[in-house]
């Protein structure tokens, strides 16, 4: 413990009240027990799930979330217990993540087959011409829209005149239109 009251983690085994501490997880557990705190007390105070606190103490990688979250939980847990947070995080990284790259697997992989796929030259031009011909064919073969021509029937007075051979003498026909009156 230094002048600020923070407990420092040492890589070598440390004796803490008759118990040998061999790692970060055990340092957390021994410090928590010495402070008379339960895992539920730590979980309530730090808002870290009790399962994650148990996983940190037992150094169970499978039970912990992603690396960034786990390191944040270690930092928060260490600060709450009065331990040197940065020293505990670096010790946790060294003990827990030494064999894992922080960026994951960076080994080169062959490119997928579709990356090197190329069409023969002129394929684009053939495609454009084919589309144009298809559109022209469709437009040419489509049925013309039926036109509806509304021709009023020939009035009776003109029907006899329209059927006769003498078309010069047009009869006088007055056409009356029906109107809608309000009366």
N, C-alpha and C. Protein backbone atom coordinates (compact mmCIF):
# COMPACT_ATOMS: atom_id res chain seq x y z
N UNK A 1 0.86 -1.17 0.00
CA UNK A 1 0.00 0.00 0.00
C UNK A 1 0.90 1.22 0.00
N UNK A 2 0.56 2.21 -0.84
CA UNK A 2 1.37 3.43 -0.91
C UNK A 2 0.73 4.53 -0.07
N UNK A 3 1.26 5.75 -0.20
CA UNK A 3 0.79 6.87 0.62
C UNK A 3 -0.66 7.24 0.29
N UNK A 4 -1.11 6.94 -0.94
CA UNK A 4 -2.49 7.29 -1.30
C UNK A 4 -3.49 6.27 -0.77
N UNK A 5 -3.01 5.17 -0.25
CA UNK A 5 -3.90 4.15 0.29
C UNK A 5 -4.22 3.07 -0.70
N UNK A 6 -3.63 3.13 -1.90
CA UNK A 6 -3.91 2.13 -2.92
C UNK A 6 -3.03 0.91 -2.70
N UNK A 7 -3.61 -0.25 -2.86
CA UNK A 7 -2.87 -1.50 -2.74
C UNK A 7 -2.29 -1.80 -4.11
N UNK A 8 -1.00 -2.13 -4.16
CA UNK A 8 -0.34 -2.41 -5.42
C UNK A 8 -0.20 -3.90 -5.61
N UNK A 9 -0.48 -4.34 -6.83
CA UNK A 9 -0.36 -5.75 -7.19
C UNK A 9 1.09 -6.03 -7.53
N UNK A 10 1.57 -7.17 -7.06
CA UNK A 10 2.92 -7.59 -7.41
C UNK A 10 2.81 -8.92 -8.13
N UNK A 11 3.65 -9.10 -9.15
CA UNK A 11 3.61 -10.33 -9.93
C UNK A 11 3.96 -11.55 -9.10
N UNK A 12 4.84 -11.37 -8.12
CA UNK A 12 5.22 -12.50 -7.26
C UNK A 12 4.10 -12.78 -6.29
N UNK A 13 4.14 -13.93 -5.69
CA UNK A 13 3.12 -14.27 -4.69
C UNK A 13 3.25 -13.34 -3.50
N UNK A 14 2.11 -12.93 -2.97
CA UNK A 14 2.08 -12.00 -1.86
C UNK A 14 1.30 -12.65 -0.73
N UNK A 15 1.75 -12.43 0.47
CA UNK A 15 1.02 -12.96 1.61
C UNK A 15 0.05 -11.90 2.11
N UNK A 16 -1.23 -12.24 2.16
CA UNK A 16 -2.24 -11.31 2.64
C UNK A 16 -3.04 -12.00 3.74
N UNK A 17 -2.76 -11.60 4.97
CA UNK A 17 -3.41 -12.15 6.16
C UNK A 17 -3.40 -13.67 6.17
N UNK A 18 -2.23 -14.25 5.97
CA UNK A 18 -2.08 -15.69 6.08
C UNK A 18 -2.41 -16.45 4.81
N UNK A 19 -2.88 -15.78 3.75
CA UNK A 19 -3.22 -16.47 2.51
C UNK A 19 -2.24 -16.04 1.42
N UNK A 20 -1.78 -16.98 0.65
CA UNK A 20 -0.87 -16.67 -0.46
C UNK A 20 -1.71 -16.25 -1.67
N UNK A 21 -1.39 -15.08 -2.24
CA UNK A 21 -2.10 -14.58 -3.40
C UNK A 21 -1.22 -14.80 -4.61
N UNK A 22 -1.72 -15.50 -5.63
CA UNK A 22 -0.92 -15.86 -6.79
C UNK A 22 -1.31 -15.12 -8.06
N UNK A 23 -2.40 -14.39 -8.09
CA UNK A 23 -2.79 -13.74 -9.33
C UNK A 23 -3.75 -12.60 -9.10
N UNK A 24 -4.13 -11.97 -10.18
CA UNK A 24 -5.04 -10.82 -10.12
C UNK A 24 -6.38 -11.22 -9.52
N UNK A 25 -6.94 -12.31 -10.00
CA UNK A 25 -8.23 -12.75 -9.49
C UNK A 25 -8.22 -13.00 -7.99
N UNK A 26 -7.16 -13.64 -7.54
CA UNK A 26 -7.04 -13.89 -6.11
C UNK A 26 -6.82 -12.59 -5.34
N UNK A 27 -6.10 -11.63 -5.91
CA UNK A 27 -5.90 -10.33 -5.27
C UNK A 27 -7.25 -9.64 -5.07
N UNK A 28 -8.09 -9.66 -6.09
CA UNK A 28 -9.43 -9.10 -5.96
C UNK A 28 -10.21 -9.80 -4.86
N UNK A 29 -10.18 -11.12 -4.88
CA UNK A 29 -10.97 -11.90 -3.93
C UNK A 29 -10.50 -11.66 -2.49
N UNK A 30 -9.19 -11.70 -2.28
CA UNK A 30 -8.65 -11.50 -0.93
C UNK A 30 -8.96 -10.08 -0.43
N UNK A 31 -8.81 -9.07 -1.31
CA UNK A 31 -9.08 -7.69 -0.92
C UNK A 31 -10.56 -7.50 -0.60
N UNK A 32 -11.44 -8.14 -1.40
CA UNK A 32 -12.88 -8.03 -1.15
C UNK A 32 -13.25 -8.68 0.17
N UNK A 33 -12.69 -9.85 0.45
CA UNK A 33 -13.01 -10.55 1.69
C UNK A 33 -12.46 -9.78 2.89
N UNK A 34 -11.24 -9.21 2.74
CA UNK A 34 -10.64 -8.43 3.82
C UNK A 34 -11.47 -7.19 4.14
N UNK A 35 -12.17 -6.64 3.10
CA UNK A 35 -13.02 -5.47 3.31
C UNK A 35 -14.42 -5.86 3.78
N UNK A 36 -14.64 -7.17 3.99
CA UNK A 36 -15.93 -7.70 4.46
C UNK A 36 -17.06 -7.34 3.49
N UNK A 37 -16.79 -7.50 2.21
CA UNK A 37 -17.80 -7.23 1.18
C UNK A 37 -18.14 -8.53 0.45
N UNK A 38 -19.40 -8.68 0.13
CA UNK A 38 -19.81 -9.84 -0.65
C UNK A 38 -19.81 -9.47 -2.13
N UNK A 39 -19.94 -10.46 -2.97
CA UNK A 39 -20.00 -10.21 -4.41
C UNK A 39 -21.24 -9.38 -4.73
N UNK A 40 -22.33 -9.62 -4.02
CA UNK A 40 -23.56 -8.84 -4.24
C UNK A 40 -23.34 -7.37 -3.86
N UNK A 41 -22.56 -7.11 -2.80
CA UNK A 41 -22.26 -5.73 -2.41
C UNK A 41 -21.47 -5.02 -3.51
N UNK A 42 -20.48 -5.70 -4.07
CA UNK A 42 -19.66 -5.13 -5.14
C UNK A 42 -20.52 -4.90 -6.38
N UNK A 43 -21.36 -5.86 -6.69
CA UNK A 43 -22.23 -5.74 -7.88
C UNK A 43 -23.17 -4.56 -7.74
N UNK A 44 -23.73 -4.36 -6.56
CA UNK A 44 -24.65 -3.25 -6.35
C UNK A 44 -23.92 -1.90 -6.41
N UNK A 45 -22.72 -1.85 -5.89
CA UNK A 45 -21.98 -0.59 -5.84
C UNK A 45 -21.38 -0.22 -7.20
N UNK A 46 -20.93 -1.19 -7.96
CA UNK A 46 -20.25 -0.90 -9.23
C UNK A 46 -21.14 -1.07 -10.45
N UNK A 47 -22.33 -1.63 -10.26
CA UNK A 47 -23.27 -1.91 -11.37
C UNK A 47 -22.68 -2.94 -12.35
N UNK A 48 -21.75 -3.76 -11.87
CA UNK A 48 -21.19 -4.86 -12.66
C UNK A 48 -21.93 -6.12 -12.25
N UNK A 49 -22.31 -6.92 -13.22
CA UNK A 49 -23.03 -8.15 -12.93
C UNK A 49 -22.21 -9.05 -12.00
N UNK A 50 -22.88 -9.70 -11.09
CA UNK A 50 -22.18 -10.58 -10.14
C UNK A 50 -21.48 -11.73 -10.87
N UNK A 51 -22.05 -12.16 -12.01
CA UNK A 51 -21.40 -13.22 -12.78
C UNK A 51 -20.04 -12.75 -13.30
N UNK A 52 -19.96 -11.48 -13.72
CA UNK A 52 -18.69 -10.96 -14.21
C UNK A 52 -17.68 -10.78 -13.08
N UNK A 53 -18.15 -10.39 -11.92
CA UNK A 53 -17.24 -10.26 -10.77
C UNK A 53 -16.67 -11.63 -10.40
N UNK A 54 -17.53 -12.65 -10.39
CA UNK A 54 -17.05 -14.01 -10.11
C UNK A 54 -16.07 -14.46 -11.18
N UNK A 55 -16.33 -14.11 -12.45
CA UNK A 55 -15.44 -14.50 -13.53
C UNK A 55 -14.09 -13.80 -13.42
N UNK A 56 -14.08 -12.55 -12.98
CA UNK A 56 -12.81 -11.83 -12.78
C UNK A 56 -12.02 -12.49 -11.66
N UNK A 57 -12.69 -12.81 -10.58
CA UNK A 57 -11.99 -13.43 -9.45
C UNK A 57 -11.49 -14.83 -9.78
N UNK A 58 -12.24 -15.58 -10.59
CA UNK A 58 -11.81 -16.94 -10.93
C UNK A 58 -11.02 -16.98 -12.23
N UNK A 59 -10.87 -15.81 -12.88
CA UNK A 59 -10.14 -15.69 -14.14
C UNK A 59 -10.73 -16.64 -15.20
N UNK A 60 -12.05 -16.59 -15.33
CA UNK A 60 -12.78 -17.43 -16.29
C UNK A 60 -13.04 -16.61 -17.56
N UNK A 61 -12.23 -16.82 -18.58
CA UNK A 61 -12.31 -16.05 -19.82
C UNK A 61 -13.64 -16.26 -20.53
N UNK A 62 -14.18 -17.47 -20.50
CA UNK A 62 -15.43 -17.77 -21.21
C UNK A 62 -16.62 -17.02 -20.62
N UNK A 63 -16.57 -16.71 -19.33
CA UNK A 63 -17.71 -16.04 -18.68
C UNK A 63 -17.65 -14.53 -18.80
N UNK A 64 -16.52 -13.99 -19.27
CA UNK A 64 -16.38 -12.54 -19.38
C UNK A 64 -16.84 -12.04 -20.75
N UNK A 65 -17.28 -10.79 -20.82
CA UNK A 65 -17.67 -10.22 -22.13
C UNK A 65 -16.43 -9.89 -22.95
N UNK A 66 -16.59 -9.12 -23.99
CA UNK A 66 -15.48 -8.73 -24.86
C UNK A 66 -14.38 -8.04 -24.05
N UNK A 67 -13.18 -8.06 -24.60
CA UNK A 67 -11.99 -7.57 -23.90
C UNK A 67 -12.15 -6.16 -23.36
N UNK A 68 -12.66 -5.23 -24.16
CA UNK A 68 -12.78 -3.84 -23.71
C UNK A 68 -13.70 -3.73 -22.49
N UNK A 69 -14.80 -4.46 -22.51
CA UNK A 69 -15.72 -4.43 -21.37
C UNK A 69 -15.06 -5.07 -20.14
N UNK A 70 -14.38 -6.19 -20.34
CA UNK A 70 -13.74 -6.87 -19.22
C UNK A 70 -12.69 -5.98 -18.56
N UNK A 71 -11.90 -5.27 -19.38
CA UNK A 71 -10.88 -4.38 -18.81
C UNK A 71 -11.54 -3.20 -18.07
N UNK A 72 -12.64 -2.71 -18.58
CA UNK A 72 -13.37 -1.65 -17.88
C UNK A 72 -13.92 -2.14 -16.56
N UNK A 73 -14.42 -3.38 -16.53
CA UNK A 73 -14.93 -3.95 -15.29
C UNK A 73 -13.81 -4.11 -14.28
N UNK A 74 -12.64 -4.56 -14.74
CA UNK A 74 -11.48 -4.72 -13.83
C UNK A 74 -11.09 -3.37 -13.26
N UNK A 75 -11.05 -2.34 -14.10
CA UNK A 75 -10.69 -0.99 -13.66
C UNK A 75 -11.69 -0.49 -12.61
N UNK A 76 -12.96 -0.66 -12.86
CA UNK A 76 -14.00 -0.20 -11.94
C UNK A 76 -13.94 -0.98 -10.62
N UNK A 77 -13.77 -2.30 -10.72
CA UNK A 77 -13.71 -3.16 -9.54
C UNK A 77 -12.50 -2.79 -8.69
N UNK A 78 -11.34 -2.57 -9.34
CA UNK A 78 -10.12 -2.21 -8.60
C UNK A 78 -10.28 -0.85 -7.92
N UNK A 79 -10.87 0.11 -8.61
CA UNK A 79 -11.07 1.43 -8.01
C UNK A 79 -11.99 1.34 -6.80
N UNK A 80 -13.03 0.53 -6.90
CA UNK A 80 -13.98 0.41 -5.79
C UNK A 80 -13.31 -0.22 -4.57
N UNK A 81 -12.39 -1.16 -4.79
CA UNK A 81 -11.72 -1.81 -3.67
C UNK A 81 -10.54 -1.00 -3.14
N UNK A 82 -10.19 0.11 -3.82
CA UNK A 82 -9.07 0.92 -3.37
C UNK A 82 -7.74 0.43 -3.90
N UNK A 83 -7.77 -0.44 -4.89
CA UNK A 83 -6.54 -0.93 -5.51
C UNK A 83 -6.10 0.04 -6.60
N UNK A 84 -4.86 -0.02 -7.01
CA UNK A 84 -4.36 0.81 -8.10
C UNK A 84 -4.95 0.26 -9.40
N UNK A 85 -5.89 0.99 -9.98
CA UNK A 85 -6.66 0.50 -11.12
C UNK A 85 -5.78 0.22 -12.34
N UNK A 86 -4.88 1.14 -12.67
CA UNK A 86 -4.05 0.95 -13.87
C UNK A 86 -3.11 -0.24 -13.71
N UNK A 87 -2.59 -0.41 -12.52
CA UNK A 87 -1.70 -1.54 -12.26
C UNK A 87 -2.47 -2.86 -12.33
N UNK A 88 -3.70 -2.86 -11.82
CA UNK A 88 -4.52 -4.08 -11.86
C UNK A 88 -4.93 -4.39 -13.31
N UNK A 89 -5.24 -3.38 -14.09
CA UNK A 89 -5.62 -3.61 -15.49
C UNK A 89 -4.43 -4.16 -16.26
N UNK A 90 -3.25 -3.57 -16.08
CA UNK A 90 -2.08 -4.07 -16.80
C UNK A 90 -1.72 -5.49 -16.35
N UNK A 91 -1.86 -5.78 -15.06
CA UNK A 91 -1.63 -7.15 -14.58
C UNK A 91 -2.67 -8.12 -15.12
N UNK A 92 -3.92 -7.67 -15.20
CA UNK A 92 -4.99 -8.51 -15.74
C UNK A 92 -4.72 -8.81 -17.22
N UNK A 93 -4.29 -7.78 -17.96
CA UNK A 93 -3.96 -7.99 -19.38
C UNK A 93 -2.82 -8.99 -19.52
N UNK A 94 -1.77 -8.80 -18.69
CA UNK A 94 -0.60 -9.67 -18.78
C UNK A 94 -0.96 -11.12 -18.43
N UNK A 95 -1.78 -11.30 -17.43
CA UNK A 95 -2.12 -12.64 -16.98
C UNK A 95 -3.21 -13.27 -17.84
N UNK A 96 -4.10 -12.47 -18.37
CA UNK A 96 -5.31 -13.00 -19.00
C UNK A 96 -5.27 -12.94 -20.51
N UNK A 97 -4.67 -11.88 -21.08
CA UNK A 97 -4.73 -11.68 -22.52
C UNK A 97 -3.37 -11.74 -23.21
N UNK A 98 -2.34 -12.30 -22.59
CA UNK A 98 -1.02 -12.36 -23.22
C UNK A 98 -1.03 -13.15 -24.52
N UNK A 99 -1.79 -14.22 -24.55
CA UNK A 99 -1.77 -15.09 -25.73
C UNK A 99 -2.76 -14.64 -26.81
N UNK A 100 -3.53 -13.57 -26.56
CA UNK A 100 -4.53 -13.11 -27.51
C UNK A 100 -4.16 -11.72 -28.00
N UNK A 101 -4.16 -11.53 -29.30
CA UNK A 101 -3.89 -10.22 -29.88
C UNK A 101 -5.09 -9.31 -29.62
N UNK A 102 -4.88 -8.04 -29.28
CA UNK A 102 -6.02 -7.15 -29.05
C UNK A 102 -6.84 -6.91 -30.32
N UNK A 103 -6.26 -7.14 -31.49
CA UNK A 103 -6.97 -6.93 -32.74
C UNK A 103 -7.50 -8.23 -33.33
N UNK A 104 -7.35 -9.32 -32.62
CA UNK A 104 -7.82 -10.59 -33.13
C UNK A 104 -6.78 -11.22 -34.05
N UNK A 105 -7.22 -12.15 -34.87
CA UNK A 105 -6.33 -12.85 -35.78
C UNK A 105 -6.03 -11.96 -36.97
N UNK A 106 -4.76 -11.58 -37.15
CA UNK A 106 -4.38 -10.70 -38.24
C UNK A 106 -3.61 -11.44 -39.33
N UNK A 107 -3.68 -12.77 -39.33
CA UNK A 107 -2.95 -13.51 -40.36
C UNK A 107 -3.60 -13.28 -41.72
N UNK A 108 -2.77 -13.20 -42.78
CA UNK A 108 -3.33 -12.94 -44.11
C UNK A 108 -4.14 -14.14 -44.60
N UNK A 109 -5.22 -13.82 -45.26
CA UNK A 109 -6.09 -14.86 -45.81
C UNK A 109 -6.20 -14.63 -47.31
N UNK A 110 -6.41 -15.72 -48.06
CA UNK A 110 -6.58 -15.51 -49.51
C UNK A 110 -7.87 -14.77 -49.79
N UNK A 111 -7.85 -14.00 -50.86
CA UNK A 111 -9.04 -13.22 -51.24
C UNK A 111 -10.12 -14.18 -51.74
N UNK A 112 -11.39 -13.85 -51.49
CA UNK A 112 -12.46 -14.69 -52.00
C UNK A 112 -12.46 -14.69 -53.53
N UNK A 113 -13.04 -15.74 -54.10
CA UNK A 113 -13.03 -15.91 -55.56
C UNK A 113 -13.75 -14.78 -56.28
N UNK A 114 -14.78 -14.23 -55.69
CA UNK A 114 -15.57 -13.20 -56.38
C UNK A 114 -14.81 -11.89 -56.53
N UNK A 115 -13.72 -11.71 -55.75
CA UNK A 115 -12.95 -10.47 -55.85
C UNK A 115 -12.23 -10.40 -57.19
N UNK A 116 -11.73 -11.54 -57.69
CA UNK A 116 -10.98 -11.57 -58.95
C UNK A 116 -11.86 -11.86 -60.16
N UNK A 117 -13.15 -11.91 -60.02
CA UNK A 117 -14.05 -12.22 -61.12
C UNK A 117 -14.12 -11.04 -62.08
N UNK A 118 -13.89 -11.31 -63.38
CA UNK A 118 -13.97 -10.26 -64.39
C UNK A 118 -14.76 -10.78 -65.58
N UNK A 119 -15.56 -9.90 -66.17
CA UNK A 119 -16.30 -10.24 -67.37
C UNK A 119 -15.41 -9.99 -68.59
N UNK A 120 -15.64 -10.74 -69.67
CA UNK A 120 -14.86 -10.50 -70.89
C UNK A 120 -15.11 -9.10 -71.45
N UNK A 121 -14.16 -8.59 -72.22
CA UNK A 121 -14.31 -7.26 -72.81
C UNK A 121 -15.50 -7.25 -73.75
N UNK A 122 -16.22 -6.17 -73.78
CA UNK A 122 -17.37 -6.02 -74.66
C UNK A 122 -18.67 -6.53 -74.08
N UNK A 123 -18.63 -7.16 -72.91
CA UNK A 123 -19.84 -7.69 -72.32
C UNK A 123 -20.82 -6.58 -71.97
N UNK A 124 -20.34 -5.47 -71.52
CA UNK A 124 -21.21 -4.35 -71.18
C UNK A 124 -21.93 -3.81 -72.40
N UNK A 125 -21.19 -3.70 -73.52
CA UNK A 125 -21.79 -3.21 -74.75
C UNK A 125 -22.86 -4.17 -75.26
N UNK A 126 -22.58 -5.45 -75.22
CA UNK A 126 -23.56 -6.46 -75.64
C UNK A 126 -24.80 -6.39 -74.75
N UNK A 127 -24.61 -6.20 -73.50
CA UNK A 127 -25.73 -6.11 -72.56
C UNK A 127 -26.60 -4.89 -72.87
N UNK A 128 -25.98 -3.75 -73.13
CA UNK A 128 -26.73 -2.52 -73.43
C UNK A 128 -27.51 -2.68 -74.73
N UNK A 129 -26.87 -3.24 -75.77
CA UNK A 129 -27.55 -3.44 -77.06
C UNK A 129 -28.71 -4.42 -76.90
N UNK A 130 -28.50 -5.49 -76.15
CA UNK A 130 -29.57 -6.47 -75.93
C UNK A 130 -30.75 -5.84 -75.23
N UNK A 131 -30.50 -5.03 -74.25
CA UNK A 131 -31.59 -4.35 -73.53
C UNK A 131 -32.33 -3.40 -74.46
N UNK A 132 -31.61 -2.67 -75.30
CA UNK A 132 -32.25 -1.73 -76.23
C UNK A 132 -33.11 -2.47 -77.24
N UNK A 133 -32.60 -3.59 -77.78
CA UNK A 133 -33.39 -4.38 -78.73
C UNK A 133 -34.62 -4.98 -78.06
N UNK A 134 -34.46 -5.47 -76.87
CA UNK A 134 -35.59 -6.03 -76.14
C UNK A 134 -36.66 -4.99 -75.88
N UNK A 135 -36.26 -3.79 -75.52
CA UNK A 135 -37.21 -2.72 -75.27
C UNK A 135 -37.92 -2.30 -76.56
N UNK A 136 -37.18 -2.21 -77.65
CA UNK A 136 -37.77 -1.84 -78.93
C UNK A 136 -38.76 -2.91 -79.39
N UNK A 137 -38.41 -4.17 -79.21
CA UNK A 137 -39.31 -5.27 -79.59
C UNK A 137 -40.58 -5.23 -78.76
N UNK A 138 -40.43 -5.04 -77.50
CA UNK A 138 -41.61 -4.96 -76.63
C UNK A 138 -42.51 -3.80 -77.03
N UNK A 139 -41.91 -2.66 -77.30
CA UNK A 139 -42.69 -1.48 -77.67
C UNK A 139 -43.40 -1.69 -79.01
N UNK A 140 -42.72 -2.36 -79.96
CA UNK A 140 -43.29 -2.58 -81.28
C UNK A 140 -44.39 -3.63 -81.28
N UNK A 141 -44.28 -4.62 -80.41
CA UNK A 141 -45.25 -5.72 -80.42
C UNK A 141 -46.44 -5.51 -79.49
N UNK A 142 -46.39 -4.53 -78.72
CA UNK A 142 -47.52 -4.36 -77.80
C UNK A 142 -48.75 -3.91 -78.57
N UNK A 143 -49.92 -4.32 -78.13
CA UNK A 143 -51.18 -4.02 -78.82
C UNK A 143 -51.51 -2.55 -78.63
N UNK A 144 -51.99 -1.91 -79.71
CA UNK A 144 -52.35 -0.50 -79.53
C UNK A 144 -53.55 -0.39 -78.61
N UNK A 145 -53.58 0.66 -77.89
CA UNK A 145 -54.68 0.88 -76.95
C UNK A 145 -55.95 1.16 -77.75
N UNK A 146 -57.05 0.49 -77.41
CA UNK A 146 -58.29 0.74 -78.15
C UNK A 146 -58.78 2.16 -77.88
N UNK A 147 -59.11 2.85 -78.96
CA UNK A 147 -59.61 4.20 -78.77
C UNK A 147 -61.13 4.15 -78.80
N UNK A 148 -61.71 4.81 -77.92
CA UNK A 148 -63.15 4.85 -77.82
C UNK A 148 -63.62 6.16 -78.46
N UNK A 149 -64.28 6.04 -79.59
CA UNK A 149 -64.79 7.23 -80.27
C UNK A 149 -66.28 7.32 -79.99
N UNK A 150 -66.67 8.35 -79.40
CA UNK A 150 -68.07 8.55 -79.06
C UNK A 150 -68.69 9.39 -80.17
N UNK A 151 -69.50 8.71 -81.02
CA UNK A 151 -70.20 9.40 -82.11
C UNK A 151 -71.69 9.32 -81.77
N UNK A 152 -72.32 10.47 -81.68
CA UNK A 152 -73.74 10.43 -81.34
C UNK A 152 -74.55 9.83 -82.51
N UNK A 153 -75.63 9.19 -82.19
CA UNK A 153 -76.45 8.60 -83.26
C UNK A 153 -77.02 9.71 -84.16
N UNK A 154 -77.31 9.33 -85.42
CA UNK A 154 -77.86 10.28 -86.40
C UNK A 154 -79.32 10.54 -86.01
N UNK A 155 -79.73 11.82 -85.97
CA UNK A 155 -81.12 12.10 -85.63
C UNK A 155 -82.07 11.52 -86.70
N UNK A 156 -83.30 11.22 -86.31
CA UNK A 156 -84.27 10.59 -87.22
C UNK A 156 -84.55 11.45 -88.44
N UNK A 157 -84.61 12.74 -88.31
CA UNK A 157 -84.90 13.63 -89.44
C UNK A 157 -83.80 13.55 -90.48
N UNK A 158 -82.58 13.26 -90.06
CA UNK A 158 -81.48 13.21 -91.01
C UNK A 158 -81.22 11.81 -91.54
N UNK A 159 -81.77 10.80 -90.91
CA UNK A 159 -81.49 9.44 -91.33
C UNK A 159 -82.00 9.17 -92.75
N UNK A 160 -83.20 9.68 -93.10
CA UNK A 160 -83.71 9.47 -94.46
C UNK A 160 -82.88 10.25 -95.47
N UNK A 161 -82.46 11.45 -95.13
CA UNK A 161 -81.64 12.25 -96.03
C UNK A 161 -80.27 11.61 -96.24
N UNK A 162 -79.68 11.01 -95.17
CA UNK A 162 -78.37 10.40 -95.27
C UNK A 162 -78.40 9.16 -96.15
N UNK A 163 -79.55 8.49 -96.24
CA UNK A 163 -79.65 7.29 -97.06
C UNK A 163 -80.03 7.59 -98.51
N UNK A 164 -80.46 8.80 -98.83
CA UNK A 164 -80.88 9.12 -100.19
C UNK A 164 -79.68 9.49 -101.06
N UNK A 165 -79.92 9.51 -102.38
CA UNK A 165 -78.87 9.85 -103.33
C UNK A 165 -78.72 11.35 -103.50
N UNK A 166 -79.72 12.10 -103.18
CA UNK A 166 -79.70 13.54 -103.33
C UNK A 166 -79.25 14.16 -102.01
N UNK A 167 -77.98 14.44 -101.90
CA UNK A 167 -77.44 14.93 -100.63
C UNK A 167 -77.29 16.44 -100.61
N UNK A 168 -77.78 17.12 -101.69
CA UNK A 168 -77.63 18.57 -101.73
C UNK A 168 -78.67 19.27 -100.89
N UNK A 169 -79.82 18.80 -100.88
CA UNK A 169 -80.89 19.48 -100.15
C UNK A 169 -80.88 19.00 -98.70
N UNK A 170 -80.28 19.77 -97.86
CA UNK A 170 -80.21 19.42 -96.44
C UNK A 170 -81.50 19.86 -95.78
N UNK A 171 -82.19 18.97 -95.11
CA UNK A 171 -83.42 19.36 -94.44
C UNK A 171 -83.12 20.28 -93.28
N UNK A 172 -84.07 21.10 -92.97
CA UNK A 172 -83.94 22.01 -91.84
C UNK A 172 -84.31 21.24 -90.58
N UNK A 173 -83.35 21.01 -89.79
CA UNK A 173 -83.58 20.23 -88.56
C UNK A 173 -83.19 21.11 -87.40
N UNK A 174 -84.08 21.25 -86.51
CA UNK A 174 -83.75 21.99 -85.30
C UNK A 174 -83.48 20.96 -84.19
N UNK A 175 -82.39 21.14 -83.57
CA UNK A 175 -82.00 20.21 -82.49
C UNK A 175 -82.23 20.89 -81.17
N UNK A 176 -82.93 20.23 -80.32
CA UNK A 176 -83.18 20.78 -78.99
C UNK A 176 -82.36 19.99 -77.99
N UNK A 177 -81.81 20.69 -77.12
CA UNK A 177 -80.99 20.05 -76.10
C UNK A 177 -81.77 20.04 -74.81
N UNK A 178 -81.64 18.97 -74.10
CA UNK A 178 -82.33 18.87 -72.83
C UNK A 178 -81.47 19.58 -71.79
N UNK A 179 -82.10 20.43 -71.03
CA UNK A 179 -81.41 21.13 -69.95
C UNK A 179 -82.06 20.78 -68.65
N UNK A 180 -81.33 20.88 -67.65
CA UNK A 180 -81.86 20.62 -66.31
C UNK A 180 -82.30 21.93 -65.70
N UNK A 181 -83.55 22.04 -65.42
CA UNK A 181 -84.09 23.25 -64.81
C UNK A 181 -84.30 22.99 -63.33
N UNK A 182 -84.25 24.05 -62.60
CA UNK A 182 -84.50 23.94 -61.16
C UNK A 182 -86.00 23.78 -60.87
N UNK A 183 -86.85 24.05 -61.85
CA UNK A 183 -88.29 23.97 -61.58
C UNK A 183 -88.87 22.63 -61.87
